[in-house]
Full PDB file with SEQRES, HELIX, SHEET, SSBOND, CRYST1, ORIGX, SCALE, CONECT and MASTER records, all heavy atoms in Angstrom:
SEQRES   1 A   33  ARG ALA ALA ARG LEU ARG ARG ARG SER PRO MET ALA GLY          
SEQRES   2 A   33  ALA ALA HIS ASP ALA VAL ILE SER ALA CYS LYS ALA LEU          
SEQRES   3 A   33  THR PHE GLY ARG TRP GLY ALA                                  
HELIX    1 AA1 ALA A    2  ARG A    8  1                                   7    
HELIX    2 AA2 PRO A   10  LEU A   26  1                                  17    
CRYST1    1.000    1.000    1.000  90.00  90.00  90.00 P 1           1          
ORIGX1      1.000000  0.000000  0.000000        0.00000                         
ORIGX2      0.000000  1.000000  0.000000        0.00000                         
ORIGX3      0.000000  0.000000  1.000000        0.00000                         
SCALE1      1.000000  0.000000  0.000000        0.00000                         
SCALE2      0.000000  1.000000  0.000000        0.00000                         
SCALE3      0.000000  0.000000  1.000000        0.00000                         
ATOM      1  N   ARG A   1       0.807  -1.226  -0.025  1.00  0.00           N  
ATOM      2  CA  ARG A   1      -0.012   0.011  -0.016  1.00  0.00           C  
ATOM      3  C   ARG A   1       0.861   1.306  -0.025  1.00  0.00           C  
ATOM      4  O   ARG A   1       0.479   2.212  -0.610  1.00  0.00           O  
ATOM      5  CB  ARG A   1      -0.931   0.027   1.194  1.00  0.00           C  
ATOM      6  CG  ARG A   1      -2.057  -0.967   1.163  1.00  0.00           C  
ATOM      7  CD  ARG A   1      -3.090  -0.722   2.279  1.00  0.00           C  
ATOM      8  NE  ARG A   1      -2.424  -0.848   3.593  1.00  0.00           N  
ATOM      9  CZ  ARG A   1      -2.311  -2.031   4.257  1.00  0.00           C  
ATOM     10  NH1 ARG A   1      -2.736  -3.124   3.767  1.00  0.00           N  
ATOM     11  NH2 ARG A   1      -1.734  -2.003   5.440  1.00  0.00           N  
ATOM     12  N   ALA A   2       1.979   1.141   0.684  1.00  0.00           N  
ATOM     13  CA  ALA A   2       2.884   2.416   0.761  1.00  0.00           C  
ATOM     14  C   ALA A   2       3.429   2.705  -0.635  1.00  0.00           C  
ATOM     15  O   ALA A   2       3.417   3.892  -1.032  1.00  0.00           O  
ATOM     16  CB  ALA A   2       4.026   2.123   1.714  1.00  0.00           C  
ATOM     17  N   ALA A   3       3.805   1.679  -1.429  1.00  0.00           N  
ATOM     18  CA  ALA A   3       4.268   1.914  -2.778  1.00  0.00           C  
ATOM     19  C   ALA A   3       3.217   2.444  -3.676  1.00  0.00           C  
ATOM     20  O   ALA A   3       3.433   3.365  -4.541  1.00  0.00           O  
ATOM     21  CB  ALA A   3       4.909   0.657  -3.360  1.00  0.00           C  
ATOM     22  N   ARG A   4       2.027   1.886  -3.522  1.00  0.00           N  
ATOM     23  CA  ARG A   4       0.867   2.383  -4.290  1.00  0.00           C  
ATOM     24  C   ARG A   4       0.530   3.814  -4.024  1.00  0.00           C  
ATOM     25  O   ARG A   4       0.147   4.568  -4.883  1.00  0.00           O  
ATOM     26  CB  ARG A   4      -0.305   1.435  -4.160  1.00  0.00           C  
ATOM     27  CG  ARG A   4      -0.143   0.066  -4.552  1.00  0.00           C  
ATOM     28  CD  ARG A   4      -1.530  -0.633  -4.891  1.00  0.00           C  
ATOM     29  NE  ARG A   4      -2.465  -0.547  -3.843  1.00  0.00           N  
ATOM     30  CZ  ARG A   4      -2.492  -1.382  -2.786  1.00  0.00           C  
ATOM     31  NH1 ARG A   4      -1.657  -2.403  -2.763  1.00  0.00           N  
ATOM     32  NH2 ARG A   4      -3.402  -1.310  -1.862  1.00  0.00           N  
ATOM     33  N   LEU A   5       0.605   4.137  -2.713  1.00  0.00           N  
ATOM     34  CA  LEU A   5       0.289   5.476  -2.311  1.00  0.00           C  
ATOM     35  C   LEU A   5       1.321   6.498  -2.915  1.00  0.00           C  
ATOM     36  O   LEU A   5       0.913   7.568  -3.413  1.00  0.00           O  
ATOM     37  CB  LEU A   5       0.380   5.634  -0.766  1.00  0.00           C  
ATOM     38  CG  LEU A   5       0.047   7.032  -0.185  1.00  0.00           C  
ATOM     39  CD1 LEU A   5      -1.356   7.479  -0.534  1.00  0.00           C  
ATOM     40  CD2 LEU A   5       0.281   7.024   1.296  1.00  0.00           C  
ATOM     41  N   ARG A   6       2.582   6.146  -3.008  1.00  0.00           N  
ATOM     42  CA  ARG A   6       3.542   6.986  -3.619  1.00  0.00           C  
ATOM     43  C   ARG A   6       3.305   7.227  -5.072  1.00  0.00           C  
ATOM     44  O   ARG A   6       3.539   8.338  -5.587  1.00  0.00           O  
ATOM     45  CB  ARG A   6       4.933   6.370  -3.472  1.00  0.00           C  
ATOM     46  CG  ARG A   6       5.443   6.242  -2.014  1.00  0.00           C  
ATOM     47  CD  ARG A   6       6.879   5.731  -1.926  1.00  0.00           C  
ATOM     48  NE  ARG A   6       7.147   5.194  -0.576  1.00  0.00           N  
ATOM     49  CZ  ARG A   6       7.260   3.909  -0.217  1.00  0.00           C  
ATOM     50  NH1 ARG A   6       7.022   2.997  -1.210  1.00  0.00           N  
ATOM     51  NH2 ARG A   6       7.553   3.593   0.959  1.00  0.00           N  
ATOM     52  N   ARG A   7       2.873   6.109  -5.769  1.00  0.00           N  
ATOM     53  CA  ARG A   7       2.513   6.235  -7.218  1.00  0.00           C  
ATOM     54  C   ARG A   7       1.332   7.049  -7.436  1.00  0.00           C  
ATOM     55  O   ARG A   7       1.267   7.906  -8.376  1.00  0.00           O  
ATOM     56  CB  ARG A   7       2.352   4.889  -7.865  1.00  0.00           C  
ATOM     57  CG  ARG A   7       3.610   3.990  -7.891  1.00  0.00           C  
ATOM     58  CD  ARG A   7       3.491   2.811  -8.834  1.00  0.00           C  
ATOM     59  NE  ARG A   7       2.271   2.042  -8.526  1.00  0.00           N  
ATOM     60  CZ  ARG A   7       2.353   0.995  -7.625  1.00  0.00           C  
ATOM     61  NH1 ARG A   7       3.524   0.657  -7.070  1.00  0.00           N  
ATOM     62  NH2 ARG A   7       1.290   0.247  -7.452  1.00  0.00           N  
ATOM     63  N   ARG A   8       0.242   6.887  -6.657  1.00  0.00           N  
ATOM     64  CA  ARG A   8      -0.984   7.438  -7.030  1.00  0.00           C  
ATOM     65  C   ARG A   8      -1.140   8.849  -6.360  1.00  0.00           C  
ATOM     66  O   ARG A   8      -1.907   9.647  -6.893  1.00  0.00           O  
ATOM     67  CB  ARG A   8      -2.108   6.563  -6.510  1.00  0.00           C  
ATOM     68  CG  ARG A   8      -2.080   5.201  -7.297  1.00  0.00           C  
ATOM     69  CD  ARG A   8      -3.116   4.215  -6.828  1.00  0.00           C  
ATOM     70  NE  ARG A   8      -3.008   2.939  -7.521  1.00  0.00           N  
ATOM     71  CZ  ARG A   8      -3.742   1.880  -7.356  1.00  0.00           C  
ATOM     72  NH1 ARG A   8      -4.677   1.895  -6.354  1.00  0.00           N  
ATOM     73  NH2 ARG A   8      -3.523   0.780  -7.957  1.00  0.00           N  
ATOM     74  N   SER A   9      -0.489   9.079  -5.205  1.00  0.00           N  
ATOM     75  CA  SER A   9      -0.590  10.390  -4.560  1.00  0.00           C  
ATOM     76  C   SER A   9       0.791  10.758  -4.068  1.00  0.00           C  
ATOM     77  O   SER A   9       1.084  10.529  -2.895  1.00  0.00           O  
ATOM     78  CB  SER A   9      -1.672  10.378  -3.430  1.00  0.00           C  
ATOM     79  OG  SER A   9      -2.911   9.986  -3.878  1.00  0.00           O  
ATOM     80  N   PRO A  10       1.661  11.216  -4.979  1.00  0.00           N  
ATOM     81  CA  PRO A  10       3.042  11.517  -4.548  1.00  0.00           C  
ATOM     82  C   PRO A  10       3.262  12.355  -3.307  1.00  0.00           C  
ATOM     83  O   PRO A  10       4.119  12.033  -2.489  1.00  0.00           O  
ATOM     84  CB  PRO A  10       3.663  12.138  -5.815  1.00  0.00           C  
ATOM     85  CG  PRO A  10       2.822  11.678  -6.917  1.00  0.00           C  
ATOM     86  CD  PRO A  10       1.438  11.529  -6.376  1.00  0.00           C  
ATOM     87  N   MET A  11       2.410  13.381  -3.146  1.00  0.00           N  
ATOM     88  CA  MET A  11       2.576  14.241  -1.971  1.00  0.00           C  
ATOM     89  C   MET A  11       2.212  13.477  -0.702  1.00  0.00           C  
ATOM     90  O   MET A  11       2.922  13.526   0.286  1.00  0.00           O  
ATOM     91  CB  MET A  11       1.765  15.494  -2.148  1.00  0.00           C  
ATOM     92  CG  MET A  11       2.202  16.457  -3.210  1.00  0.00           C  
ATOM     93  SD  MET A  11       1.217  17.957  -3.245  1.00  0.00           S  
ATOM     94  CE  MET A  11       1.545  18.654  -1.655  1.00  0.00           C  
ATOM     95  N   ALA A  12       1.148  12.738  -0.750  1.00  0.00           N  
ATOM     96  CA  ALA A  12       0.760  11.954   0.433  1.00  0.00           C  
ATOM     97  C   ALA A  12       1.822  10.901   0.681  1.00  0.00           C  
ATOM     98  O   ALA A  12       2.034  10.612   1.901  1.00  0.00           O  
ATOM     99  CB  ALA A  12      -0.611  11.316   0.203  1.00  0.00           C  
ATOM    100  N   GLY A  13       2.322  10.297  -0.336  1.00  0.00           N  
ATOM    101  CA  GLY A  13       3.384   9.265  -0.146  1.00  0.00           C  
ATOM    102  C   GLY A  13       4.607   9.851   0.475  1.00  0.00           C  
ATOM    103  O   GLY A  13       5.245   9.229   1.364  1.00  0.00           O  
ATOM    104  N   ALA A  14       5.014  10.989   0.039  1.00  0.00           N  
ATOM    105  CA  ALA A  14       6.165  11.705   0.636  1.00  0.00           C  
ATOM    106  C   ALA A  14       5.933  12.051   2.103  1.00  0.00           C  
ATOM    107  O   ALA A  14       6.843  11.884   2.953  1.00  0.00           O  
ATOM    108  CB  ALA A  14       6.530  12.950  -0.180  1.00  0.00           C  
ATOM    109  N   ALA A  15       4.767  12.465   2.434  1.00  0.00           N  
ATOM    110  CA  ALA A  15       4.396  12.829   3.786  1.00  0.00           C  
ATOM    111  C   ALA A  15       4.495  11.532   4.662  1.00  0.00           C  
ATOM    112  O   ALA A  15       4.966  11.575   5.801  1.00  0.00           O  
ATOM    113  CB  ALA A  15       3.013  13.460   3.871  1.00  0.00           C  
ATOM    114  N   HIS A  16       3.918  10.441   4.184  1.00  0.00           N  
ATOM    115  CA  HIS A  16       3.920   9.175   4.884  1.00  0.00           C  
ATOM    116  C   HIS A  16       5.369   8.759   5.148  1.00  0.00           C  
ATOM    117  O   HIS A  16       5.759   8.419   6.255  1.00  0.00           O  
ATOM    118  CB  HIS A  16       3.233   8.106   4.100  1.00  0.00           C  
ATOM    119  CG  HIS A  16       3.375   6.748   4.562  1.00  0.00           C  
ATOM    120  ND1 HIS A  16       4.429   5.908   4.135  1.00  0.00           N  
ATOM    121  CD2 HIS A  16       2.629   6.009   5.400  1.00  0.00           C  
ATOM    122  CE1 HIS A  16       4.342   4.741   4.784  1.00  0.00           C  
ATOM    123  NE2 HIS A  16       3.246   4.762   5.534  1.00  0.00           N  
ATOM    124  N   ASP A  17       6.241   8.841   4.124  1.00  0.00           N  
ATOM    125  CA  ASP A  17       7.657   8.386   4.298  1.00  0.00           C  
ATOM    126  C   ASP A  17       8.424   9.334   5.315  1.00  0.00           C  
ATOM    127  O   ASP A  17       9.209   8.803   6.057  1.00  0.00           O  
ATOM    128  CB  ASP A  17       8.324   8.378   2.916  1.00  0.00           C  
ATOM    129  CG  ASP A  17       7.832   7.371   2.024  1.00  0.00           C  
ATOM    130  OD1 ASP A  17       7.116   6.452   2.529  1.00  0.00           O  
ATOM    131  OD2 ASP A  17       8.095   7.424   0.771  1.00  0.00           O  
ATOM    132  N   ALA A  18       8.064  10.626   5.281  1.00  0.00           N  
ATOM    133  CA  ALA A  18       8.715  11.551   6.246  1.00  0.00           C  
ATOM    134  C   ALA A  18       8.286  11.208   7.667  1.00  0.00           C  
ATOM    135  O   ALA A  18       9.182  11.206   8.548  1.00  0.00           O  
ATOM    136  CB  ALA A  18       8.276  12.982   5.852  1.00  0.00           C  
ATOM    137  N   VAL A  19       7.037  10.907   7.886  1.00  0.00           N  
ATOM    138  CA  VAL A  19       6.606  10.591   9.283  1.00  0.00           C  
ATOM    139  C   VAL A  19       7.266   9.238   9.674  1.00  0.00           C  
ATOM    140  O   VAL A  19       7.717   9.145  10.834  1.00  0.00           O  
ATOM    141  CB  VAL A  19       5.057  10.434   9.303  1.00  0.00           C  
ATOM    142  CG1 VAL A  19       4.627   9.965  10.717  1.00  0.00           C  
ATOM    143  CG2 VAL A  19       4.442  11.781   9.015  1.00  0.00           C  
ATOM    144  N   ILE A  20       7.388   8.283   8.854  1.00  0.00           N  
ATOM    145  CA  ILE A  20       8.056   7.009   9.124  1.00  0.00           C  
ATOM    146  C   ILE A  20       9.491   7.251   9.572  1.00  0.00           C  
ATOM    147  O   ILE A  20       9.979   6.724  10.598  1.00  0.00           O  
ATOM    148  CB  ILE A  20       7.990   6.062   7.974  1.00  0.00           C  
ATOM    149  CG1 ILE A  20       6.563   5.474   7.712  1.00  0.00           C  
ATOM    150  CG2 ILE A  20       8.942   4.907   8.156  1.00  0.00           C  
ATOM    151  CD1 ILE A  20       6.126   4.495   8.707  1.00  0.00           C  
ATOM    152  N   SER A  21      10.182   8.044   8.794  1.00  0.00           N  
ATOM    153  CA  SER A  21      11.553   8.347   9.138  1.00  0.00           C  
ATOM    154  C   SER A  21      11.691   9.051  10.504  1.00  0.00           C  
ATOM    155  O   SER A  21      12.620   8.767  11.250  1.00  0.00           O  
ATOM    156  CB  SER A  21      12.178   9.304   8.052  1.00  0.00           C  
ATOM    157  OG  SER A  21      12.190   8.529   6.758  1.00  0.00           O  
ATOM    158  N   ALA A  22      10.760   9.979  10.739  1.00  0.00           N  
ATOM    159  CA  ALA A  22      10.796  10.734  12.032  1.00  0.00           C  
ATOM    160  C   ALA A  22      10.511   9.773  13.188  1.00  0.00           C  
ATOM    161  O   ALA A  22      11.218   9.886  14.252  1.00  0.00           O  
ATOM    162  CB  ALA A  22       9.748  11.868  11.960  1.00  0.00           C  
ATOM    163  N   CYS A  23       9.588   8.856  12.968  1.00  0.00           N  
ATOM    164  CA  CYS A  23       9.268   7.899  14.041  1.00  0.00           C  
ATOM    165  C   CYS A  23      10.486   6.986  14.344  1.00  0.00           C  
ATOM    166  O   CYS A  23      10.794   6.712  15.487  1.00  0.00           O  
ATOM    167  CB  CYS A  23       8.115   7.022  13.685  1.00  0.00           C  
ATOM    168  SG  CYS A  23       6.510   7.915  13.595  1.00  0.00           S  
ATOM    169  N   LYS A  24      11.215   6.609  13.317  1.00  0.00           N  
ATOM    170  CA  LYS A  24      12.345   5.809  13.535  1.00  0.00           C  
ATOM    171  C   LYS A  24      13.499   6.495  14.253  1.00  0.00           C  
ATOM    172  O   LYS A  24      14.149   5.969  15.113  1.00  0.00           O  
ATOM    173  CB  LYS A  24      12.836   5.181  12.168  1.00  0.00           C  
ATOM    174  CG  LYS A  24      11.858   4.211  11.551  1.00  0.00           C  
ATOM    175  CD  LYS A  24      12.378   3.680  10.195  1.00  0.00           C  
ATOM    176  CE  LYS A  24      13.519   2.607  10.412  1.00  0.00           C  
ATOM    177  NZ  LYS A  24      12.938   1.410  11.066  1.00  0.00           N  
ATOM    178  N   ALA A  25      13.646   7.748  13.884  1.00  0.00           N  
ATOM    179  CA  ALA A  25      14.662   8.632  14.478  1.00  0.00           C  
ATOM    180  C   ALA A  25      14.364   8.895  15.940  1.00  0.00           C  
ATOM    181  O   ALA A  25      15.242   8.779  16.793  1.00  0.00           O  
ATOM    182  CB  ALA A  25      14.866   9.906  13.676  1.00  0.00           C  
ATOM    183  N   LEU A  26      13.121   9.176  16.259  1.00  0.00           N  
ATOM    184  CA  LEU A  26      12.727   9.539  17.566  1.00  0.00           C  
ATOM    185  C   LEU A  26      12.799   8.324  18.528  1.00  0.00           C  
ATOM    186  O   LEU A  26      12.983   8.524  19.771  1.00  0.00           O  
ATOM    187  CB  LEU A  26      11.310  10.153  17.624  1.00  0.00           C  
ATOM    188  CG  LEU A  26      11.143  11.534  16.978  1.00  0.00           C  
ATOM    189  CD1 LEU A  26       9.723  11.916  16.832  1.00  0.00           C  
ATOM    190  CD2 LEU A  26      11.945  12.556  17.871  1.00  0.00           C  
ATOM    191  N   THR A  27      12.561   7.127  18.041  1.00  0.00           N  
ATOM    192  CA  THR A  27      12.634   5.935  18.816  1.00  0.00           C  
ATOM    193  C   THR A  27      13.925   5.149  18.656  1.00  0.00           C  
ATOM    194  O   THR A  27      14.033   3.976  19.124  1.00  0.00           O  
ATOM    195  CB  THR A  27      11.444   4.993  18.473  1.00  0.00           C  
ATOM    196  OG1 THR A  27      11.575   4.597  17.128  1.00  0.00           O  
ATOM    197  CG2 THR A  27      10.081   5.743  18.642  1.00  0.00           C  
ATOM    198  N   PHE A  28      14.935   5.811  17.997  1.00  0.00           N  
ATOM    199  CA  PHE A  28      16.221   5.186  17.796  1.00  0.00           C  
ATOM    200  C   PHE A  28      16.090   3.803  17.105  1.00  0.00           C  
ATOM    201  O   PHE A  28      16.791   2.853  17.388  1.00  0.00           O  
ATOM    202  CB  PHE A  28      17.009   5.103  19.075  1.00  0.00           C  
ATOM    203  CG  PHE A  28      17.268   6.313  19.809  1.00  0.00           C  
ATOM    204  CD1 PHE A  28      16.387   6.736  20.855  1.00  0.00           C  
ATOM    205  CD2 PHE A  28      18.240   7.148  19.447  1.00  0.00           C  
ATOM    206  CE1 PHE A  28      16.574   8.003  21.477  1.00  0.00           C  
ATOM    207  CE2 PHE A  28      18.451   8.376  19.988  1.00  0.00           C  
ATOM    208  CZ  PHE A  28      17.616   8.780  21.043  1.00  0.00           C  
ATOM    209  N   GLY A  29      15.107   3.767  16.166  1.00  0.00           N  
ATOM    210  CA  GLY A  29      14.904   2.507  15.368  1.00  0.00           C  
ATOM    211  C   GLY A  29      14.151   1.427  16.139  1.00  0.00           C  
ATOM    212  O   GLY A  29      14.036   0.297  15.632  1.00  0.00           O  
ATOM    213  N   ARG A  30      13.726   1.647  17.379  1.00  0.00           N  
ATOM    214  CA  ARG A  30      13.087   0.554  18.109  1.00  0.00           C  
ATOM    215  C   ARG A  30      11.663   0.325  17.736  1.00  0.00           C  
ATOM    216  O   ARG A  30      11.129  -0.752  18.010  1.00  0.00           O  
ATOM    217  CB  ARG A  30      13.161   0.889  19.589  1.00  0.00           C  
ATOM    218  CG  ARG A  30      14.582   0.752  20.223  1.00  0.00           C  
ATOM    219  CD  ARG A  30      14.490   0.772  21.703  1.00  0.00           C  
ATOM    220  NE  ARG A  30      14.061   2.015  22.257  1.00  0.00           N  
ATOM    221  CZ  ARG A  30      14.863   3.044  22.570  1.00  0.00           C  
ATOM    222  NH1 ARG A  30      16.178   2.853  22.417  1.00  0.00           N  
ATOM    223  NH2 ARG A  30      14.439   4.217  23.052  1.00  0.00           N  
ATOM    224  N   TRP A  31      11.012   1.346  17.110  1.00  0.00           N  
ATOM    225  CA  TRP A  31       9.575   1.144  16.677  1.00  0.00           C  
ATOM    226  C   TRP A  31       9.570   0.813  15.148  1.00  0.00           C  
ATOM    227  O   TRP A  31      10.030   1.695  14.356  1.00  0.00           O  
ATOM    228  CB  TRP A  31       8.787   2.366  17.024  1.00  0.00           C  
ATOM    229  CG  TRP A  31       7.346   2.277  16.627  1.00  0.00           C  
ATOM    230  CD1 TRP A  31       6.651   1.116  16.418  1.00  0.00           C  
ATOM    231  CD2 TRP A  31       6.461   3.417  16.197  1.00  0.00           C  
ATOM    232  NE1 TRP A  31       5.333   1.411  15.943  1.00  0.00           N  
ATOM    233  CE2 TRP A  31       5.202   2.816  15.779  1.00  0.00           C  
ATOM    234  CE3 TRP A  31       6.667   4.752  16.097  1.00  0.00           C  
ATOM    235  CZ2 TRP A  31       4.142   3.637  15.352  1.00  0.00           C  
ATOM    236  CZ3 TRP A  31       5.610   5.504  15.724  1.00  0.00           C  
ATOM    237  CH2 TRP A  31       4.331   4.943  15.388  1.00  0.00           C  
ATOM    238  N   GLY A  32       9.074  -0.275  14.782  1.00  0.00           N  
ATOM    239  CA  GLY A  32       8.966  -0.574  13.380  1.00  0.00           C  
ATOM    240  C   GLY A  32       7.700   0.008  12.848  1.00  0.00           C  
ATOM    241  O   GLY A  32       6.769  -0.810  12.452  1.00  0.00           O  
ATOM    242  N   ALA A  33       7.627   1.281  12.737  1.00  0.00           N  
ATOM    243  CA  ALA A  33       6.357   1.962  12.383  1.00  0.00           C  
ATOM    244  C   ALA A  33       5.913   1.600  10.922  1.00  0.00           C  
ATOM    245  O   ALA A  33       4.824   1.687  10.560  1.00  0.00           O  
ATOM    246  CB  ALA A  33       6.590   3.479  12.440  1.00  0.00           C  
TER     247      ALA A  33                                                      
MASTER        0    0    0    2    0    0    0    6  246    1    0    3          
END                                                                             
């Protein structure tokens, strides 16, 4: 679904990926968001 979101709604896909990266950084990689 994440890959399909990037293809069909690039802005929403980019926002999703940014939040995922922030979650991993804030939890030092402990949360597999």
